[in-house]
Amino acid sequence: MPVLPDKLVRELTGIMGRERVFTAREDRLCYSYDGTFRQYLPDVVVKPGRTEEVARVLALANREGIPVHPRGAGTGLSGGSVPYGGGIALVLTDMNAIYELNREDMLARMGPGLVTAELHRAVEKEGLFYPPDPGSAESCTMGGNVAECAGGPRALKYGVTRDYILGLEVVLADGRVIHTGGRTVKNVTAYDLTRLFTGSEGTLGVITAITVRLIPRPRAVCTMLATFRDLETTGAAINAIMGAGVVPRTLEIMDQLAIKVVEKFSPCGLPQDAAAVLLIETDGDLEAAQREAGVVEAVLKKAGAAGIKMAANPAEAAELWRARKAVSPAVGRIKPTKISEDATVPRSKVPAMITRLGQIREQYHLDLVIFGHAGDGNLHPNILCNRKDADEMQRVEKAIAAIFQAALELGGTLSGEHGIGLLKAPFLRAELGDDGLAVVESIKRTLDPGNILNPGKVFPSAAGGK
């Protein structure tokens, strides 16, 4: 039975229709978790199909003081969409249409429920390109990408989600609908509300329409895999590449444990005796992509790479990428609980961060896999554990704190692309300081005075992440 009073469930049903309101426990369980190991049961699940419905749901929730947790596909890795504290799970996956794809203005407008890879395919058919490419692109939604300011391997050269958002339609906590930005590349009218809501993790408003800018699709891509005998040489090679006057499209790293779990899960022919591998791409027109690939290859040889494999065609490139994309599902086979972090440091500090992560792995006796976007300093240390093992989980909690401390000490940040959500909220003050946190909290209070929008997320005073 739903926890919300029957009269409120009936009111939601009047807004949405019976087929879009779910109160059965088995239905609510489907929306109680995300890509983390945290799970909280919502009191009711609603699936709006129009902005008007979202606005009316929020107006009701604001009036009654009911928590609302906006949600896309639930692929997030920070607990950002789990219904902490119960209330309404507002699932936006049915708002999934591309409303406009304009070649002249080089933009696309869509609903928040559109799967990211579907946008990629649609615009590439027109010879255009939407660069942000989170690892879960085949299932994650654009609304979630905007809410978390997602990145991906191509962020090294092209930037993250916020660099491509021209405008948003947002429903505020009280049900008002606003439009930020517009259709122009240049727009400096008043405060930049578009960027404020991008990365706000559902705590300031609910995104109901998104306008993104597009760029011409690169004509050629060159892909290579370099292997290394030790992590120090790997780190030096990363810095050497970035200092060679070339900005690769991607520069990914996998450490030895990541290589081994991938080869066990889905053999790709990676050398299991390597300390690490780098997966690198250059792109542009054919001449530019090949020229830059040659520069990178020369730098790798000088830096001491043990081996370099150049993909001869798209099929070979896809095979190299298969190994990198297999890391996340592969590590989940080692132990039942996977905690994926994305502590990010300045590029020059990547070798130091890799060293610190190795020390943390040894200190707390944990299975800690290192992979991620080495070119922009965004590493993904994954801790593999069993949440039913109390002793191990205590060591995990200490290791997580040590990871964040190391990132901040090296001049980095708590998150490069996964967001703060529920799990990292207790650490936010360490990065922002008291005054910085006070400013962020004042913005939250102004836009959501009743604290109904995704409560418990981002802000340490309300979080239950620990």
Protein backbone atom coordinates (compact mmCIF):
# COMPACT_ATOMS: atom_id res chain seq x y z
CA MET A 1 0.00 0.00 0.00
CA PRO A 2 1.27 3.52 -0.76
CA VAL A 3 2.50 5.64 2.15
CA LEU A 4 1.02 8.84 0.70
CA PRO A 5 -2.57 9.55 1.71
CA ASP A 6 -5.13 8.15 -0.72
CA LYS A 7 -6.42 11.61 -1.57
CA LEU A 8 -2.98 12.70 -2.80
CA VAL A 9 -2.59 9.55 -4.88
CA ARG A 10 -6.00 10.29 -6.40
CA GLU A 11 -4.90 13.85 -7.12
CA LEU A 12 -1.75 12.59 -8.84
CA THR A 13 -3.88 10.16 -10.83
CA GLY A 14 -6.11 13.05 -11.87
CA ILE A 15 -3.07 14.90 -13.17
CA MET A 16 -1.30 12.01 -14.86
CA GLY A 17 -3.90 9.37 -15.62
CA ARG A 18 -4.08 5.98 -13.93
CA GLU A 19 -1.59 4.40 -16.33
CA ARG A 20 1.20 6.80 -15.27
CA VAL A 21 0.92 6.49 -11.48
CA PHE A 22 2.37 3.42 -9.74
CA THR A 23 1.83 2.48 -6.11
CA ALA A 24 2.40 -1.28 -6.02
CA ARG A 25 5.51 -2.24 -4.07
CA GLU A 26 6.98 -4.22 -6.97
CA ASP A 27 6.68 -1.17 -9.22
CA ARG A 28 8.21 1.17 -6.65
CA LEU A 29 11.13 -1.19 -6.08
CA CYS A 30 12.13 -0.73 -9.73
CA TYR A 31 12.85 2.95 -9.00
CA SER A 32 14.43 2.59 -5.57
CA TYR A 33 18.08 2.38 -6.68
CA ASP A 34 20.60 3.64 -9.23
CA GLY A 35 24.10 2.54 -10.26
CA THR A 36 25.29 2.59 -6.63
CA PHE A 37 24.50 0.17 -3.81
CA ARG A 38 22.14 2.62 -2.07
CA GLN A 39 18.41 1.85 -2.14
CA TYR A 40 15.41 3.80 -0.85
CA LEU A 41 11.78 3.03 -1.65
CA PRO A 42 9.61 5.85 -3.04
CA ASP A 43 6.02 6.16 -1.84
CA VAL A 44 4.73 6.56 -5.38
CA VAL A 45 6.14 6.60 -8.91
CA VAL A 46 4.83 8.96 -11.58
CA LYS A 47 5.78 9.10 -15.27
CA PRO A 48 4.83 12.42 -16.83
CA GLY A 49 4.53 12.84 -20.56
CA ARG A 50 4.35 16.65 -20.74
CA THR A 51 5.83 19.68 -19.03
CA GLU A 52 2.38 20.68 -17.80
CA GLU A 53 2.11 17.42 -15.87
CA VAL A 54 5.52 17.94 -14.27
CA ALA A 55 4.48 21.45 -13.23
CA ARG A 56 1.26 20.24 -11.64
CA VAL A 57 3.02 17.42 -9.78
CA LEU A 58 5.58 19.86 -8.37
CA ALA A 59 2.90 22.35 -7.38
CA LEU A 60 1.10 19.57 -5.46
CA ALA A 61 4.32 18.34 -3.86
CA ASN A 62 5.34 21.86 -2.85
CA ARG A 63 1.93 22.50 -1.31
CA GLU A 64 2.04 19.27 0.69
CA GLY A 65 5.77 19.21 1.48
CA ILE A 66 6.36 15.92 -0.34
CA PRO A 67 9.91 15.09 -1.52
CA VAL A 68 10.31 14.77 -5.31
CA HIS A 69 13.20 12.82 -6.81
CA PRO A 70 13.69 13.48 -10.56
CA ARG A 71 14.98 10.45 -12.40
CA GLY A 72 16.01 9.28 -15.84
CA ALA A 73 17.40 5.80 -16.50
CA GLY A 74 18.93 5.44 -13.05
CA THR A 75 22.49 4.89 -14.28
CA GLY A 76 24.01 7.48 -11.93
CA LEU A 77 26.97 6.57 -9.74
CA SER A 78 26.58 8.97 -6.81
CA GLY A 79 23.13 8.11 -5.47
CA GLY A 80 21.74 11.25 -7.08
CA SER A 81 18.37 9.82 -8.09
CA VAL A 82 17.62 7.38 -5.28
CA PRO A 83 14.44 8.39 -3.39
CA TYR A 84 16.14 9.18 -0.08
CA GLY A 85 13.38 9.98 2.40
CA GLY A 86 10.60 8.52 0.25
CA GLY A 87 8.08 10.68 -1.56
CA ILE A 88 7.59 10.87 -5.32
CA ALA A 89 9.93 9.27 -7.87
CA LEU A 90 9.42 11.54 -10.89
CA VAL A 91 10.50 9.37 -13.82
CA LEU A 92 11.05 11.37 -17.02
CA THR A 93 11.84 8.58 -19.47
CA ASP A 94 8.58 8.96 -21.39
CA MET A 95 9.53 12.53 -22.39
CA ASN A 96 11.99 11.13 -24.91
CA ALA A 97 11.35 12.79 -28.27
CA ILE A 98 13.70 14.85 -30.42
CA TYR A 99 11.61 17.95 -30.99
CA GLU A 100 13.93 19.61 -33.48
CA LEU A 101 17.17 18.91 -35.33
CA ASN A 102 18.23 22.08 -37.13
CA ARG A 103 21.22 21.87 -39.51
CA GLU A 104 21.30 25.60 -40.25
CA ASP A 105 21.48 26.64 -36.61
CA MET A 106 23.42 23.47 -35.73
CA LEU A 107 21.28 22.61 -32.75
CA ALA A 108 18.90 19.97 -31.46
CA ARG A 109 16.04 20.24 -28.99
CA MET A 110 14.75 17.22 -27.09
CA GLY A 111 12.97 15.90 -24.02
CA PRO A 112 14.95 14.85 -20.93
CA GLY A 113 14.13 11.17 -21.41
CA LEU A 114 15.94 10.82 -24.73
CA VAL A 115 18.70 8.21 -24.54
CA THR A 116 22.05 9.87 -25.23
CA ALA A 117 23.18 7.36 -27.87
CA GLU A 118 19.95 7.95 -29.80
CA LEU A 119 20.87 11.63 -30.03
CA HIS A 120 24.36 10.67 -31.20
CA ARG A 121 22.97 8.50 -33.99
CA ALA A 122 20.35 11.02 -35.08
CA VAL A 123 22.74 13.94 -35.43
CA GLU A 124 25.51 11.89 -37.03
CA LYS A 125 23.13 10.91 -39.81
CA GLU A 126 23.05 14.62 -40.62
CA GLY A 127 26.84 14.93 -40.61
CA LEU A 128 26.79 16.62 -37.20
CA PHE A 129 28.32 15.73 -33.86
CA TYR A 130 27.29 15.89 -30.20
CA PRO A 131 30.58 15.15 -28.39
CA PRO A 132 29.66 14.27 -24.76
CA ASP A 133 29.80 10.48 -24.51
CA PRO A 134 29.28 9.07 -21.01
CA GLY A 135 30.10 5.41 -20.61
CA SER A 136 26.42 4.54 -20.19
CA ALA A 137 25.40 6.40 -23.37
CA GLU A 138 23.35 3.47 -24.65
CA SER A 139 21.04 3.69 -21.64
CA CYS A 140 21.47 7.03 -19.82
CA THR A 141 19.22 9.96 -20.67
CA MET A 142 19.95 13.51 -21.70
CA GLY A 143 18.10 14.91 -18.69
CA GLY A 144 20.34 12.93 -16.39
CA ASN A 145 23.40 14.03 -18.38
CA VAL A 146 22.45 17.68 -17.92
CA ALA A 147 21.56 17.25 -14.25
CA GLU A 148 24.93 15.62 -13.54
CA CYS A 149 26.94 17.54 -16.18
CA ALA A 150 28.16 14.27 -17.67
CA GLY A 151 31.44 13.94 -19.51
CA GLY A 152 33.05 10.86 -21.02
CA PRO A 153 36.24 9.95 -22.90
CA ARG A 154 35.85 12.71 -25.52
CA ALA A 155 35.72 15.44 -22.85
CA LEU A 156 39.50 15.79 -23.11
CA LYS A 157 39.20 17.52 -26.47
CA TYR A 158 35.59 18.61 -26.64
CA GLY A 159 34.49 19.40 -23.09
CA VAL A 160 31.56 18.20 -20.99
CA THR A 161 27.79 18.53 -21.19
CA ARG A 162 27.63 22.14 -19.97
CA ASP A 163 29.77 23.22 -22.93
CA TYR A 164 26.96 22.19 -25.33
CA ILE A 165 23.79 23.36 -23.56
CA LEU A 166 22.26 26.38 -25.27
CA GLY A 167 19.01 26.48 -23.34
CA LEU A 168 16.73 24.65 -20.94
CA GLU A 169 13.11 24.47 -19.97
CA VAL A 170 12.93 24.01 -16.21
CA VAL A 171 10.04 23.52 -13.80
CA LEU A 172 10.74 25.14 -10.44
CA ALA A 173 9.80 23.67 -7.07
CA ASP A 174 6.50 25.55 -6.92
CA GLY A 175 5.44 24.50 -10.43
CA ARG A 176 6.47 27.61 -12.34
CA VAL A 177 8.05 27.00 -15.73
CA ILE A 178 11.05 29.04 -16.88
CA HIS A 179 13.21 29.04 -20.00
CA THR A 180 16.93 29.70 -19.78
CA GLY A 181 19.37 30.53 -22.56
CA GLY A 182 18.05 30.18 -26.07
CA ARG A 183 19.15 29.14 -29.55
CA THR A 184 22.24 31.30 -29.97
CA VAL A 185 25.85 30.40 -29.28
CA LYS A 186 26.40 33.83 -27.72
CA ASN A 187 24.05 34.79 -24.89
CA VAL A 188 25.16 36.91 -21.94
CA THR A 189 21.79 38.26 -20.87
CA ALA A 190 21.63 38.47 -17.06
CA TYR A 191 22.90 35.59 -14.93
CA ASP A 192 23.78 32.32 -16.63
CA LEU A 193 20.85 30.28 -15.38
CA THR A 194 21.50 27.58 -17.95
CA ARG A 195 24.81 26.72 -16.32
CA LEU A 196 23.28 27.03 -12.87
CA PHE A 197 20.78 24.26 -13.60
CA THR A 198 23.32 22.18 -15.53
CA GLY A 199 24.96 20.03 -12.88
CA SER A 200 22.41 20.96 -10.20
CA GLU A 201 21.47 17.27 -9.74
CA GLY A 202 17.74 17.86 -9.54
CA THR A 203 18.02 20.02 -6.42
CA LEU A 204 16.98 23.34 -8.01
CA GLY A 205 14.41 22.40 -10.67
CA VAL A 206 13.25 19.67 -13.03
CA ILE A 207 14.57 19.88 -16.59
CA THR A 208 11.81 19.21 -19.13
CA ALA A 209 13.41 20.30 -22.43
CA ILE A 210 17.01 20.69 -23.59
CA THR A 211 18.56 22.60 -26.49
CA VAL A 212 22.11 21.59 -27.40
CA ARG A 213 24.59 22.99 -29.87
CA LEU A 214 26.13 20.67 -32.44
CA ILE A 215 29.40 20.78 -34.35
CA PRO A 216 30.54 19.22 -37.65
CA ARG A 217 31.28 15.53 -37.39
CA PRO A 218 35.02 14.71 -37.60
CA ARG A 219 35.77 12.91 -40.85
CA ALA A 220 38.43 10.56 -39.51
CA VAL A 221 39.49 8.95 -36.24
CA CYS A 222 42.81 7.20 -35.52
CA THR A 223 42.92 4.78 -32.58
CA MET A 224 45.91 3.24 -30.82
CA LEU A 225 46.71 1.23 -27.70
CA ALA A 226 49.99 1.65 -25.82
CA THR A 227 51.23 -0.73 -23.10
CA PHE A 228 53.58 0.10 -20.21
CA ARG A 229 55.66 -1.90 -17.76
CA ASP A 230 55.16 0.47 -14.81
CA LEU A 231 52.74 3.20 -13.72
CA GLU A 232 55.43 5.86 -13.38
CA THR A 233 56.30 5.58 -17.08
CA THR A 234 52.58 5.62 -17.90
CA GLY A 235 52.08 8.87 -16.03
CA ALA A 236 55.11 10.44 -17.67
CA ALA A 237 53.77 9.45 -21.10
CA ILE A 238 50.41 11.10 -20.37
CA ASN A 239 52.12 14.37 -19.54
CA ALA A 240 54.43 14.09 -22.55
CA ILE A 241 51.51 13.63 -24.95
CA MET A 242 49.69 16.66 -23.60
CA GLY A 243 52.88 18.69 -23.83
CA ALA A 244 53.50 17.78 -27.46
CA GLY A 245 51.10 20.30 -28.99
CA VAL A 246 48.40 17.70 -29.67
CA VAL A 247 45.02 17.43 -27.94
CA PRO A 248 43.84 13.84 -28.44
CA ARG A 249 40.18 13.10 -28.81
CA THR A 250 40.55 10.55 -25.98
CA LEU A 251 43.31 9.44 -23.62
CA GLU A 252 42.10 6.57 -21.44
CA ILE A 253 43.97 4.50 -18.85
CA MET A 254 43.48 0.98 -17.46
CA ASP A 255 45.73 -0.39 -14.71
CA GLN A 256 46.87 -4.01 -14.41
CA LEU A 257 43.94 -5.13 -12.25
CA ALA A 258 41.50 -3.57 -14.71
CA ILE A 259 43.24 -5.40 -17.57
CA LYS A 260 43.05 -8.73 -15.74
CA VAL A 261 39.37 -8.48 -14.86
CA VAL A 262 38.51 -7.49 -18.44
CA GLU A 263 40.44 -10.43 -19.87
CA LYS A 264 38.69 -12.77 -17.46
CA PHE A 265 35.25 -11.34 -18.24
CA SER A 266 35.53 -10.75 -21.98
CA PRO A 267 38.94 -11.58 -23.49
CA CYS A 268 40.21 -8.80 -25.73
CA GLY A 269 43.85 -9.81 -26.11
CA LEU A 270 45.24 -7.25 -23.66
CA PRO A 271 48.68 -8.06 -22.21
CA GLN A 272 48.02 -9.14 -18.63
CA ASP A 273 51.62 -8.55 -17.59
CA ALA A 274 51.38 -4.84 -18.44
CA ALA A 275 51.23 -2.38 -15.53
CA ALA A 276 48.85 -0.22 -17.55
CA VAL A 277 47.57 0.54 -21.03
CA LEU A 278 46.59 3.84 -22.64
CA LEU A 279 43.84 3.98 -25.27
CA ILE A 280 44.32 7.07 -27.42
CA GLU A 281 42.45 8.62 -30.33
CA THR A 282 43.03 11.58 -32.60
CA ASP A 283 40.44 12.97 -34.99
CA GLY A 284 39.71 15.65 -37.59
CA ASP A 285 40.10 15.41 -41.34
CA LEU A 286 42.10 12.37 -42.44
CA GLU A 287 45.39 14.21 -42.85
CA ALA A 288 45.15 15.96 -39.47
CA ALA A 289 44.08 12.82 -37.61
CA GLN A 290 46.94 10.79 -39.07
CA ARG A 291 49.49 13.56 -38.51
CA GLU A 292 48.52 13.92 -34.84
CA ALA A 293 48.51 10.14 -34.41
CA GLY A 294 52.08 10.11 -35.71
CA VAL A 295 53.09 12.73 -33.17
CA VAL A 296 51.50 10.73 -30.35
CA GLU A 297 53.18 7.51 -31.50
CA ALA A 298 56.58 9.19 -31.51
CA VAL A 299 56.01 10.60 -28.02
CA LEU A 300 54.96 7.19 -26.72
CA LYS A 301 58.10 5.54 -28.07
CA LYS A 302 60.30 8.23 -26.54
CA ALA A 303 58.45 7.95 -23.21
CA GLY A 304 59.21 4.24 -23.00
CA ALA A 305 56.02 2.48 -24.06
CA ALA A 306 56.55 -1.28 -24.17
CA GLY A 307 54.28 -1.65 -27.17
CA ILE A 308 52.03 0.36 -29.48
CA LYS A 309 49.18 -1.03 -31.57
CA MET A 310 47.58 1.14 -34.25
CA ALA A 311 44.07 0.20 -35.35
CA ALA A 312 44.12 -0.36 -39.11
CA ASN A 313 40.38 0.10 -39.59
CA PRO A 314 37.16 0.88 -37.67
CA ALA A 315 36.66 -2.78 -36.77
CA GLU A 316 40.05 -2.94 -35.05
CA ALA A 317 39.35 0.36 -33.31
CA ALA A 318 36.03 -1.00 -32.04
CA GLU A 319 37.82 -4.05 -30.67
CA LEU A 320 40.25 -1.85 -28.73
CA TRP A 321 37.33 0.11 -27.33
CA ARG A 322 35.54 -3.08 -26.40
CA ALA A 323 38.20 -3.66 -23.76
CA ARG A 324 37.80 -0.19 -22.26
CA LYS A 325 34.01 -0.37 -22.26
CA ALA A 326 34.11 -3.80 -20.63
CA VAL A 327 35.86 -2.53 -17.50
CA SER A 328 32.79 -1.41 -15.60
CA PRO A 329 30.71 -4.57 -16.13
CA ALA A 330 33.79 -6.75 -15.66
CA VAL A 331 34.74 -5.42 -12.25
CA GLY A 332 31.24 -6.16 -11.03
CA ARG A 333 32.02 -9.88 -11.42
CA ILE A 334 34.73 -9.86 -8.74
CA LYS A 335 32.54 -8.99 -5.76
CA PRO A 336 28.83 -8.16 -5.41
CA THR A 337 29.27 -4.46 -4.55
CA LYS A 338 31.01 -1.96 -6.82
CA ILE A 339 31.69 1.60 -5.69
CA SER A 340 32.72 3.81 -8.60
CA GLU A 341 34.34 7.14 -7.83
CA ASP A 342 35.60 9.87 -10.14
CA ALA A 343 38.04 11.95 -8.18
CA THR A 344 39.70 14.38 -10.57
CA VAL A 345 43.09 16.10 -10.36
CA PRO A 346 45.03 18.52 -12.55
CA ARG A 347 46.49 16.63 -15.50
CA SER A 348 50.05 17.08 -14.26
CA LYS A 349 49.08 15.36 -11.01
CA VAL A 350 47.76 12.16 -12.62
CA PRO A 351 50.96 10.20 -11.88
CA ALA A 352 50.86 11.33 -8.26
CA MET A 353 47.18 10.42 -7.95
CA ILE A 354 47.78 6.99 -9.43
CA THR A 355 50.52 6.46 -6.86
CA ARG A 356 48.24 7.60 -4.03
CA LEU A 357 45.49 5.25 -5.20
CA GLY A 358 47.94 2.36 -5.16
CA GLN A 359 48.93 3.24 -1.62
CA ILE A 360 45.27 3.39 -0.55
CA ARG A 361 44.68 -0.01 -2.12
CA GLU A 362 47.51 -1.52 -0.08
CA GLN A 363 46.74 0.34 3.15
CA TYR A 364 43.13 -0.80 3.34
CA HIS A 365 43.62 -4.22 1.71
CA LEU A 366 40.96 -3.70 -0.92
CA ASP A 367 40.37 -4.66 -4.52
CA LEU A 368 40.71 -1.22 -6.09
CA VAL A 369 40.72 -0.96 -9.88
CA ILE A 370 42.05 2.17 -11.58
CA PHE A 371 40.80 3.32 -14.97
CA GLY A 372 39.35 6.47 -16.47
CA HIS A 373 40.04 9.57 -18.49
CA ALA A 374 43.72 10.18 -17.82
CA GLY A 375 44.02 13.01 -20.32
CA ASP A 376 41.81 15.34 -18.28
CA GLY A 377 42.78 13.98 -14.87
CA ASN A 378 39.43 12.28 -14.30
CA LEU A 379 40.26 8.90 -12.79
CA HIS A 380 37.67 6.27 -11.83
CA PRO A 381 38.95 4.25 -8.88
CA ASN A 382 36.47 1.39 -8.43
CA ILE A 383 36.36 -0.37 -5.07
CA LEU A 384 35.08 -3.93 -5.25
CA CYS A 385 33.60 -5.21 -2.02
CA ASN A 386 30.72 -6.95 -0.29
CA ARG A 387 28.37 -4.60 1.52
CA LYS A 388 27.32 -7.47 3.81
CA ASP A 389 30.88 -7.69 5.15
CA ALA A 390 30.89 -5.10 7.95
CA ASP A 391 34.66 -5.15 8.46
CA GLU A 392 35.36 -4.69 4.77
CA MET A 393 32.83 -1.85 4.49
CA GLN A 394 34.53 0.01 7.33
CA ARG A 395 37.77 -0.17 5.37
CA VAL A 396 35.90 0.94 2.25
CA GLU A 397 34.55 4.04 4.00
CA LYS A 398 38.06 4.96 5.14
CA ALA A 399 39.44 4.37 1.64
CA ILE A 400 36.79 6.58 0.05
CA ALA A 401 37.65 9.42 2.44
CA ALA A 402 41.33 8.91 1.65
CA ILE A 403 40.66 9.05 -2.10
CA PHE A 404 38.86 12.38 -1.79
CA GLN A 405 41.49 13.76 0.55
CA ALA A 406 44.22 12.82 -1.92
CA ALA A 407 42.37 14.45 -4.81
CA LEU A 408 41.86 17.70 -2.89
CA GLU A 409 45.45 17.77 -1.63
CA LEU A 410 46.64 17.49 -5.23
CA GLY A 411 44.52 20.48 -6.27
CA GLY A 412 41.63 18.42 -7.61
CA THR A 413 37.92 18.02 -7.02
CA LEU A 414 35.46 15.52 -5.56
CA SER A 415 33.81 14.87 -8.90
CA GLY A 416 34.66 15.27 -12.55
CA GLU A 417 31.41 13.90 -13.97
CA HIS A 418 29.48 11.61 -11.60
CA GLY A 419 28.17 14.41 -9.38
CA ILE A 420 27.97 14.73 -5.60
CA GLY A 421 24.60 13.09 -5.00
CA LEU A 422 24.13 11.22 -1.75
CA LEU A 423 27.49 9.52 -1.39
CA LYS A 424 29.84 12.51 -1.66
CA ALA A 425 27.69 15.07 0.17
CA PRO A 426 29.47 14.59 3.50
CA PHE A 427 32.73 15.70 1.87
CA LEU A 428 31.46 18.84 0.12
CA ARG A 429 32.54 21.26 2.83
CA ALA A 430 36.14 20.05 2.49
CA GLU A 431 36.22 21.36 -1.09
CA LEU A 432 34.03 24.47 -0.92
CA GLY A 433 34.85 25.71 2.57
CA ASP A 434 32.30 27.17 4.98
CA ASP A 435 31.64 30.35 3.00
CA GLY A 436 31.45 28.64 -0.36
CA LEU A 437 29.03 26.05 0.98
CA ALA A 438 26.90 28.80 2.53
CA VAL A 439 26.53 30.47 -0.87
CA VAL A 440 25.47 27.21 -2.52
CA GLU A 441 22.97 26.51 0.27
CA SER A 442 21.50 30.01 -0.07
CA ILE A 443 20.80 29.38 -3.76
CA LYS A 444 19.05 26.13 -2.84
CA ARG A 445 16.90 27.88 -0.21
CA THR A 446 15.92 30.62 -2.65
CA LEU A 447 14.76 28.29 -5.42
CA ASP A 448 13.44 25.49 -3.20
CA PRO A 449 12.53 26.94 0.22
CA GLY A 450 10.54 23.85 1.13
CA ASN A 451 13.46 21.52 0.29
CA ILE A 452 11.25 19.18 -1.74
CA LEU A 453 13.58 18.79 -4.72
CA ASN A 454 15.87 15.79 -4.31
CA PRO A 455 16.39 16.32 -0.58
CA GLY A 456 19.44 14.70 1.00
CA LYS A 457 21.53 15.18 -2.14
CA VAL A 458 24.60 17.41 -2.52
CA PHE A 459 24.28 19.19 0.84
CA PRO A 460 26.11 17.61 3.80
CA SER A 461 23.65 18.92 6.41
CA ALA A 462 20.88 16.72 4.96
CA ALA A 463 22.80 13.81 3.49
CA GLY A 464 22.66 10.24 4.63
CA GLY A 465 25.52 9.17 2.42
CA LYS A 466 27.57 7.76 5.28
